Amino acid sequence: MPQNGYQQGFCANPRAIAYQKRLYPWAIAKLMPNMQRAIVGRFRSRSDADGHLLCLRQLMPQATLVVVFDLQPDLEVPIAAPTAIR
């Protein structure tokens, strides 16, 4: 069975990473002090994120967790602009 490279954190092409991040727009964020957040997990659908959120709330009742639609992931990979040919 093929493995999902995004979930394993391995992909050599930065453009492929950016595309794969767009495939997982729903995220569970842990809210922290000073308006900071930490992404706990990414999901393709809202229902997947909601299901995982229910489990996480049972495992970590003291944490403040929310489901967010993350259009701009935190770990953006900068793509170099093409250079002009001389």
PDB file of N, CA and C in Angstrom:
ATOM      1  N   MET A   1       0.838  -1.169   0.000  1.00  0.00           N
ATOM      2  CA  MET A   1       0.000   0.000   0.000  1.00  0.00           C
ATOM      3  C   MET A   1       0.890   1.241   0.000  1.00  0.00           C
ATOM      4  N   PRO A   2       0.597   2.227  -0.882  1.00  0.00           N
ATOM      5  CA  PRO A   2       1.460   3.401  -0.940  1.00  0.00           C
ATOM      6  C   PRO A   2       1.354   4.240   0.325  1.00  0.00           C
ATOM      7  N   GLN A   3       2.470   4.796   0.713  1.00  0.00           N
ATOM      8  CA  GLN A   3       2.522   5.623   1.913  1.00  0.00           C
ATOM      9  C   GLN A   3       2.266   7.079   1.545  1.00  0.00           C
ATOM     10  N   ASN A   4       1.700   7.823   2.457  1.00  0.00           N
ATOM     11  CA  ASN A   4       1.453   9.240   2.260  1.00  0.00           C
ATOM     12  C   ASN A   4       2.683  10.007   2.710  1.00  0.00           C
ATOM     13  N   GLY A   5       3.390  10.644   1.766  1.00  0.00           N
ATOM     14  CA  GLY A   5       4.624  11.357   2.082  1.00  0.00           C
ATOM     15  C   GLY A   5       4.417  12.543   2.993  1.00  0.00           C
ATOM     16  N   TYR A   6       3.261  13.222   2.883  1.00  0.00           N
ATOM     17  CA  TYR A   6       3.013  14.386   3.734  1.00  0.00           C
ATOM     18  C   TYR A   6       2.918  13.974   5.190  1.00  0.00           C
ATOM     19  N   GLN A   7       2.214  12.898   5.475  1.00  0.00           N
ATOM     20  CA  GLN A   7       2.040  12.464   6.851  1.00  0.00           C
ATOM     21  C   GLN A   7       3.360  12.003   7.452  1.00  0.00           C
ATOM     22  N   GLN A   8       4.244  11.481   6.625  1.00  0.00           N
ATOM     23  CA  GLN A   8       5.531  11.023   7.142  1.00  0.00           C
ATOM     24  C   GLN A   8       6.570  12.139   7.169  1.00  0.00           C
ATOM     25  N   GLY A   9       6.267  13.282   6.555  1.00  0.00           N
ATOM     26  CA  GLY A   9       7.195  14.400   6.576  1.00  0.00           C
ATOM     27  C   GLY A   9       8.349  14.255   5.613  1.00  0.00           C
ATOM     28  N   PHE A  10       8.211  13.438   4.554  1.00  0.00           N
ATOM     29  CA  PHE A  10       9.305  13.241   3.623  1.00  0.00           C
ATOM     30  C   PHE A  10       8.837  13.547   2.216  1.00  0.00           C
ATOM     31  N   CYS A  11       9.492  14.497   1.588  1.00  0.00           N
ATOM     32  CA  CYS A  11       9.271  14.783   0.177  1.00  0.00           C
ATOM     33  C   CYS A  11      10.423  15.667  -0.283  1.00  0.00           C
ATOM     34  N   ALA A  12      11.037  15.331  -1.408  1.00  0.00           N
ATOM     35  CA  ALA A  12      12.222  16.044  -1.846  1.00  0.00           C
ATOM     36  C   ALA A  12      11.888  17.330  -2.598  1.00  0.00           C
ATOM     37  N   ASN A  13      10.727  17.408  -3.240  1.00  0.00           N
ATOM     38  CA  ASN A  13      10.380  18.552  -4.071  1.00  0.00           C
ATOM     39  C   ASN A  13       9.583  19.584  -3.267  1.00  0.00           C
ATOM     40  N   PRO A  14      10.084  20.828  -3.138  1.00  0.00           N
ATOM     41  CA  PRO A  14       9.346  21.853  -2.373  1.00  0.00           C
ATOM     42  C   PRO A  14       7.977  22.163  -2.967  1.00  0.00           C
ATOM     43  N   ARG A  15       7.834  22.104  -4.289  1.00  0.00           N
ATOM     44  CA  ARG A  15       6.525  22.354  -4.912  1.00  0.00           C
ATOM     45  C   ARG A  15       5.536  21.255  -4.544  1.00  0.00           C
ATOM     46  N   ALA A  16       6.025  20.034  -4.435  1.00  0.00           N
ATOM     47  CA  ALA A  16       5.152  18.930  -4.046  1.00  0.00           C
ATOM     48  C   ALA A  16       4.708  19.096  -2.596  1.00  0.00           C
ATOM     49  N   ILE A  17       5.569  19.606  -1.751  1.00  0.00           N
ATOM     50  CA  ILE A  17       5.200  19.839  -0.353  1.00  0.00           C
ATOM     51  C   ILE A  17       4.102  20.882  -0.282  1.00  0.00           C
ATOM     52  N   ALA A  18       4.251  21.972  -1.046  1.00  0.00           N
ATOM     53  CA  ALA A  18       3.237  23.021  -1.038  1.00  0.00           C
ATOM     54  C   ALA A  18       1.899  22.470  -1.537  1.00  0.00           C
ATOM     55  N   TYR A  19       1.926  21.637  -2.566  1.00  0.00           N
ATOM     56  CA  TYR A  19       0.690  21.045  -3.081  1.00  0.00           C
ATOM     57  C   TYR A  19       0.072  20.106  -2.047  1.00  0.00           C
ATOM     58  N   GLN A  20       0.897  19.304  -1.400  1.00  0.00           N
ATOM     59  CA  GLN A  20       0.384  18.359  -0.412  1.00  0.00           C
ATOM     60  C   GLN A  20      -0.231  19.093   0.779  1.00  0.00           C
ATOM     61  N   LYS A  21       0.330  20.240   1.162  1.00  0.00           N
ATOM     62  CA  LYS A  21      -0.243  21.004   2.273  1.00  0.00           C
ATOM     63  C   LYS A  21      -1.613  21.539   1.915  1.00  0.00           C
ATOM     64  N   ARG A  22      -1.829  21.859   0.640  1.00  0.00           N
ATOM     65  CA  ARG A  22      -3.138  22.340   0.231  1.00  0.00           C
ATOM     66  C   ARG A  22      -4.167  21.225   0.257  1.00  0.00           C
ATOM     67  N   LEU A  23      -3.735  19.979   0.249  1.00  0.00           N
ATOM     68  CA  LEU A  23      -4.664  18.846   0.312  1.00  0.00           C
ATOM     69  C   LEU A  23      -5.191  18.632   1.720  1.00  0.00           C
ATOM     70  N   TYR A  24      -4.559  19.221   2.706  1.00  0.00           N
ATOM     71  CA  TYR A  24      -4.946  19.042   4.105  1.00  0.00           C
ATOM     72  C   TYR A  24      -5.250  20.412   4.729  1.00  0.00           C
ATOM     73  N   PRO A  25      -6.355  21.062   4.314  1.00  0.00           N
ATOM     74  CA  PRO A  25      -6.600  22.423   4.804  1.00  0.00           C
ATOM     75  C   PRO A  25      -7.173  22.487   6.216  1.00  0.00           C
ATOM     76  N   TRP A  26      -7.795  21.411   6.697  1.00  0.00           N
ATOM     77  CA  TRP A  26      -8.388  21.414   8.044  1.00  0.00           C
ATOM     78  C   TRP A  26      -7.332  20.998   9.052  1.00  0.00           C
ATOM     79  N   ALA A  27      -7.281  21.725  10.153  1.00  0.00           N
ATOM     80  CA  ALA A  27      -6.265  21.437  11.163  1.00  0.00           C
ATOM     81  C   ALA A  27      -6.876  21.543  12.558  1.00  0.00           C
ATOM     82  N   ILE A  28      -6.262  20.818  13.483  1.00  0.00           N
ATOM     83  CA  ILE A  28      -6.600  20.961  14.903  1.00  0.00           C
ATOM     84  C   ILE A  28      -5.470  21.771  15.511  1.00  0.00           C
ATOM     85  N   ALA A  29      -5.850  22.897  16.118  1.00  0.00           N
ATOM     86  CA  ALA A  29      -4.860  23.788  16.723  1.00  0.00           C
ATOM     87  C   ALA A  29      -5.025  23.788  18.234  1.00  0.00           C
ATOM     88  N   LYS A  30      -3.903  23.760  18.918  1.00  0.00           N
ATOM     89  CA  LYS A  30      -3.888  23.900  20.374  1.00  0.00           C
ATOM     90  C   LYS A  30      -3.593  25.365  20.667  1.00  0.00           C
ATOM     91  N   LEU A  31      -4.524  26.027  21.363  1.00  0.00           N
ATOM     92  CA  LEU A  31      -4.353  27.441  21.682  1.00  0.00           C
ATOM     93  C   LEU A  31      -3.471  27.583  22.912  1.00  0.00           C
ATOM     94  N   MET A  32      -2.489  28.482  22.794  1.00  0.00           N
ATOM     95  CA  MET A  32      -1.539  28.709  23.868  1.00  0.00           C
ATOM     96  C   MET A  32      -1.551  30.179  24.263  1.00  0.00           C
ATOM     97  N   PRO A  33      -0.888  30.529  25.339  1.00  0.00           N
ATOM     98  CA  PRO A  33      -0.857  31.941  25.761  1.00  0.00           C
ATOM     99  C   PRO A  33      -0.220  32.844  24.717  1.00  0.00           C
ATOM    100  N   ASN A  34      -0.479  34.146  24.847  1.00  0.00           N
ATOM    101  CA  ASN A  34       0.083  35.177  23.963  1.00  0.00           C
ATOM    102  C   ASN A  34      -0.329  34.995  22.503  1.00  0.00           C
ATOM    103  N   MET A  35      -1.571  34.573  22.275  1.00  0.00           N
ATOM    104  CA  MET A  35      -2.139  34.438  20.930  1.00  0.00           C
ATOM    105  C   MET A  35      -1.337  33.496  20.024  1.00  0.00           C
ATOM    106  N   GLN A  36      -0.690  32.508  20.598  1.00  0.00           N
ATOM    107  CA  GLN A  36       0.057  31.535  19.815  1.00  0.00           C
ATOM    108  C   GLN A  36      -0.782  30.282  19.653  1.00  0.00           C
ATOM    109  N   ARG A  37      -0.418  29.492  18.658  1.00  0.00           N
ATOM    110  CA  ARG A  37      -1.103  28.227  18.422  1.00  0.00           C
ATOM    111  C   ARG A  37      -0.092  27.199  17.933  1.00  0.00           C
ATOM    112  N   ALA A  38      -0.436  25.945  18.156  1.00  0.00           N
ATOM    113  CA  ALA A  38       0.389  24.842  17.666  1.00  0.00           C
ATOM    114  C   ALA A  38      -0.538  23.895  16.929  1.00  0.00           C
ATOM    115  N   ILE A  39      -0.182  23.562  15.705  1.00  0.00           N
ATOM    116  CA  ILE A  39      -0.990  22.641  14.916  1.00  0.00           C
ATOM    117  C   ILE A  39      -0.708  21.229  15.414  1.00  0.00           C
ATOM    118  N   VAL A  40      -1.772  20.543  15.825  1.00  0.00           N
ATOM    119  CA  VAL A  40      -1.655  19.185  16.350  1.00  0.00           C
ATOM    120  C   VAL A  40      -1.770  18.170  15.227  1.00  0.00           C
ATOM    121  N   GLY A  41      -2.657  18.424  14.267  1.00  0.00           N
ATOM    122  CA  GLY A  41      -2.842  17.499  13.157  1.00  0.00           C
ATOM    123  C   GLY A  41      -3.538  18.175  11.993  1.00  0.00           C
ATOM    124  N   ARG A  42      -3.345  17.636  10.789  1.00  0.00           N
ATOM    125  CA  ARG A  42      -3.981  18.157   9.571  1.00  0.00           C
ATOM    126  C   ARG A  42      -4.827  17.060   8.943  1.00  0.00           C
ATOM    127  N   PHE A  43      -5.938  17.500   8.331  1.00  0.00           N
ATOM    128  CA  PHE A  43      -6.899  16.547   7.788  1.00  0.00           C
ATOM    129  C   PHE A  43      -7.479  17.063   6.484  1.00  0.00           C
ATOM    130  N   ARG A  44      -7.921  16.140   5.633  1.00  0.00           N
ATOM    131  CA  ARG A  44      -8.537  16.513   4.358  1.00  0.00           C
ATOM    132  C   ARG A  44      -9.947  17.032   4.524  1.00  0.00           C
ATOM    133  N   SER A  45     -10.691  16.512   5.465  1.00  0.00           N
ATOM    134  CA  SER A  45     -12.092  16.917   5.603  1.00  0.00           C
ATOM    135  C   SER A  45     -12.379  17.405   7.021  1.00  0.00           C
ATOM    136  N   ARG A  46     -13.423  18.213   7.116  1.00  0.00           N
ATOM    137  CA  ARG A  46     -13.815  18.749   8.415  1.00  0.00           C
ATOM    138  C   ARG A  46     -14.292  17.631   9.333  1.00  0.00           C
ATOM    139  N   SER A  47     -15.003  16.652   8.771  1.00  0.00           N
ATOM    140  CA  SER A  47     -15.518  15.574   9.613  1.00  0.00           C
ATOM    141  C   SER A  47     -14.383  14.740  10.213  1.00  0.00           C
ATOM    142  N   ASP A  48     -13.306  14.537   9.464  1.00  0.00           N
ATOM    143  CA  ASP A  48     -12.139  13.839  10.025  1.00  0.00           C
ATOM    144  C   ASP A  48     -11.543  14.634  11.186  1.00  0.00           C
ATOM    145  N   ALA A  49     -11.417  15.944  10.991  1.00  0.00           N
ATOM    146  CA  ALA A  49     -10.856  16.791  12.047  1.00  0.00           C
ATOM    147  C   ALA A  49     -11.758  16.790  13.282  1.00  0.00           C
ATOM    148  N   ASP A  50     -13.070  16.855  13.084  1.00  0.00           N
ATOM    149  CA  ASP A  50     -13.993  16.837  14.220  1.00  0.00           C
ATOM    150  C   ASP A  50     -13.914  15.517  14.987  1.00  0.00           C
ATOM    151  N   GLY A  51     -13.800  14.405  14.272  1.00  0.00           N
ATOM    152  CA  GLY A  51     -13.681  13.106  14.933  1.00  0.00           C
ATOM    153  C   GLY A  51     -12.421  12.994  15.770  1.00  0.00           C
ATOM    154  N   HIS A  52     -11.300  13.471  15.220  1.00  0.00           N
ATOM    155  CA  HIS A  52     -10.046  13.444  15.969  1.00  0.00           C
ATOM    156  C   HIS A  52     -10.092  14.413  17.148  1.00  0.00           C
ATOM    157  N   LEU A  53     -10.785  15.533  16.970  1.00  0.00           N
ATOM    158  CA  LEU A  53     -10.910  16.496  18.053  1.00  0.00           C
ATOM    159  C   LEU A  53     -11.641  15.885  19.247  1.00  0.00           C
ATOM    160  N   LEU A  54     -12.680  15.109  18.994  1.00  0.00           N
ATOM    161  CA  LEU A  54     -13.400  14.444  20.085  1.00  0.00           C
ATOM    162  C   LEU A  54     -12.473  13.516  20.869  1.00  0.00           C
ATOM    163  N   CYS A  55     -11.659  12.749  20.153  1.00  0.00           N
ATOM    164  CA  CYS A  55     -10.718  11.841  20.825  1.00  0.00           C
ATOM    165  C   CYS A  55      -9.668  12.614  21.619  1.00  0.00           C
ATOM    166  N   LEU A  56      -9.132  13.687  21.012  1.00  0.00           N
ATOM    167  CA  LEU A  56      -8.100  14.467  21.703  1.00  0.00           C
ATOM    168  C   LEU A  56      -8.649  15.140  22.951  1.00  0.00           C
ATOM    169  N   ARG A  57      -9.894  15.584  22.899  1.00  0.00           N
ATOM    170  CA  ARG A  57     -10.488  16.220  24.086  1.00  0.00           C
ATOM    171  C   ARG A  57     -10.664  15.225  25.226  1.00  0.00           C
ATOM    172  N   GLN A  58     -10.858  13.948  24.897  1.00  0.00           N
ATOM    173  CA  GLN A  58     -10.942  12.924  25.939  1.00  0.00           C
ATOM    174  C   GLN A  58      -9.557  12.622  26.505  1.00  0.00           C
ATOM    175  N   LEU A  59      -8.546  12.644  25.636  1.00  0.00           N
ATOM    176  CA  LEU A  59      -7.185  12.344  26.084  1.00  0.00           C
ATOM    177  C   LEU A  59      -6.529  13.517  26.808  1.00  0.00           C
ATOM    178  N   MET A  60      -6.874  14.747  26.365  1.00  0.00           N
ATOM    179  CA  MET A  60      -6.265  15.947  26.960  1.00  0.00           C
ATOM    180  C   MET A  60      -7.374  16.936  27.335  1.00  0.00           C
ATOM    181  N   PRO A  61      -8.108  16.674  28.409  1.00  0.00           N
ATOM    182  CA  PRO A  61      -9.234  17.549  28.751  1.00  0.00           C
ATOM    183  C   PRO A  61      -8.823  18.961  29.168  1.00  0.00           C
ATOM    184  N   GLN A  62      -7.596  19.153  29.612  1.00  0.00           N
ATOM    185  CA  GLN A  62      -7.156  20.469  30.062  1.00  0.00           C
ATOM    186  C   GLN A  62      -6.729  21.363  28.902  1.00  0.00           C
ATOM    187  N   ALA A  63      -6.476  20.815  27.728  1.00  0.00           N
ATOM    188  CA  ALA A  63      -5.995  21.593  26.580  1.00  0.00           C
ATOM    189  C   ALA A  63      -7.165  22.291  25.869  1.00  0.00           C
ATOM    190  N   THR A  64      -6.888  23.463  25.325  1.00  0.00           N
ATOM    191  CA  THR A  64      -7.867  24.187  24.525  1.00  0.00           C
ATOM    192  C   THR A  64      -7.582  23.885  23.060  1.00  0.00           C
ATOM    193  N   LEU A  65      -8.427  23.080  22.449  1.00  0.00           N
ATOM    194  CA  LEU A  65      -8.249  22.644  21.065  1.00  0.00           C
ATOM    195  C   LEU A  65      -9.410  23.139  20.216  1.00  0.00           C
ATOM    196  N   VAL A  66      -9.101  23.570  18.986  1.00  0.00           N
ATOM    197  CA  VAL A  66     -10.133  24.024  18.055  1.00  0.00           C
ATOM    198  C   VAL A  66      -9.818  23.497  16.662  1.00  0.00           C
ATOM    199  N   VAL A  67     -10.875  23.346  15.859  1.00  0.00           N
ATOM    200  CA  VAL A  67     -10.715  22.977  14.451  1.00  0.00           C
ATOM    201  C   VAL A  67     -10.661  24.274  13.651  1.00  0.00           C
ATOM    202  N   VAL A  68      -9.655  24.401  12.791  1.00  0.00           N
ATOM    203  CA  VAL A  68      -9.495  25.599  11.969  1.00  0.00           C
ATOM    204  C   VAL A  68      -9.313  25.212  10.510  1.00  0.00           C
ATOM    205  N   PHE A  69      -9.718  26.112   9.629  1.00  0.00           N
ATOM    206  CA  PHE A  69      -9.445  25.967   8.201  1.00  0.00           C
ATOM    207  C   PHE A  69      -8.219  26.809   7.929  1.00  0.00           C
ATOM    208  N   ASP A  70      -7.091  26.164   7.739  1.00  0.00           N
ATOM    209  CA  ASP A  70      -5.795  26.831   7.671  1.00  0.00           C
ATOM    210  C   ASP A  70      -5.397  27.037   6.217  1.00  0.00           C
ATOM    211  N   LEU A  71      -5.614  28.250   5.697  1.00  0.00           N
ATOM    212  CA  LEU A  71      -5.262  28.543   4.314  1.00  0.00           C
ATOM    213  C   LEU A  71      -3.769  28.761   4.123  1.00  0.00           C
ATOM    214  N   GLN A  72      -3.082  29.223   5.164  1.00  0.00           N
ATOM    215  CA  GLN A  72      -1.651  29.473   5.069  1.00  0.00           C
ATOM    216  C   GLN A  72      -0.947  28.677   6.158  1.00  0.00           C
ATOM    217  N   PRO A  73      -0.485  27.470   5.835  1.00  0.00           N
ATOM    218  CA  PRO A  73       0.199  26.651   6.843  1.00  0.00           C
ATOM    219  C   PRO A  73       1.423  27.355   7.418  1.00  0.00           C
ATOM    220  N   ASP A  74       1.740  27.037   8.665  1.00  0.00           N
ATOM    221  CA  ASP A  74       2.867  27.649   9.374  1.00  0.00           C
ATOM    222  C   ASP A  74       4.209  27.333   8.719  1.00  0.00           C
ATOM    223  N   LEU A  75       4.353  26.141   8.222  1.00  0.00           N
ATOM    224  CA  LEU A  75       5.651  25.696   7.708  1.00  0.00           C
ATOM    225  C   LEU A  75       5.719  25.849   6.197  1.00  0.00           C
ATOM    226  N   GLU A  76       5.587  27.070   5.718  1.00  0.00           N
ATOM    227  CA  GLU A  76       5.675  27.326   4.289  1.00  0.00           C
ATOM    228  C   GLU A  76       7.107  27.069   3.825  1.00  0.00           C
ATOM    229  N   VAL A  77       7.254  26.429   2.683  1.00  0.00           N
ATOM    230  CA  VAL A  77       8.570  26.211   2.097  1.00  0.00           C
ATOM    231  C   VAL A  77       8.757  27.253   1.020  1.00  0.00           C
ATOM    232  N   PRO A  78       9.743  28.167   1.174  1.00  0.00           N
ATOM    233  CA  PRO A  78       9.923  29.194   0.156  1.00  0.00           C
ATOM    234  C   PRO A  78      10.391  28.580  -1.146  1.00  0.00           C
ATOM    235  N   ILE A  79       9.751  28.991  -2.219  1.00  0.00           N
ATOM    236  CA  ILE A  79      10.117  28.495  -3.543  1.00  0.00           C
ATOM    237  C   ILE A  79      10.917  29.599  -4.226  1.00  0.00           C
ATOM    238  N   ALA A  80      12.120  29.259  -4.660  1.00  0.00           N
ATOM    239  CA  ALA A  80      13.006  30.259  -5.269  1.00  0.00           C
ATOM    240  C   ALA A  80      12.431  30.705  -6.596  1.00  0.00           C
ATOM    241  N   ALA A  81      12.546  32.009  -6.864  1.00  0.00           N
ATOM    242  CA  ALA A  81      12.083  32.553  -8.126  1.00  0.00           C
ATOM    243  C   ALA A  81      13.051  32.120  -9.227  1.00  0.00           C
ATOM    244  N   PRO A  82      12.524  31.895 -10.426  1.00  0.00           N
ATOM    245  CA  PRO A  82      13.420  31.499 -11.521  1.00  0.00           C
ATOM    246  C   PRO A  82      14.394  32.614 -11.852  1.00  0.00           C
ATOM    247  N   THR A  83      15.606  32.249 -12.161  1.00  0.00           N
ATOM    248  CA  THR A  83      16.633  33.241 -12.493  1.00  0.00           C
ATOM    249  C   THR A  83      16.631  33.498 -13.990  1.00  0.00           C
ATOM    250  N   ALA A  84      17.006  34.692 -14.351  1.00  0.00           N
ATOM    251  CA  ALA A  84      17.055  35.058 -15.769  1.00  0.00           C
ATOM    252  C   ALA A  84      18.276  34.417 -16.423  1.00  0.00           C
ATOM    253  N   ILE A  85      18.105  33.997 -17.656  1.00  0.00           N
ATOM    254  CA  ILE A  85      19.213  33.394 -18.409  1.00  0.00           C
ATOM    255  C   ILE A  85      19.957  34.503 -19.122  1.00  0.00           C
ATOM    256  N   ARG A  86      21.248  34.513 -18.963  1.00  0.00           N
ATOM    257  CA  ARG A  86      22.070  35.553 -19.594  1.00  0.00           C
ATOM    258  C   ARG A  86      22.736  35.046 -20.809  1.00  0.00           C
TER     259      ARG A  86
END
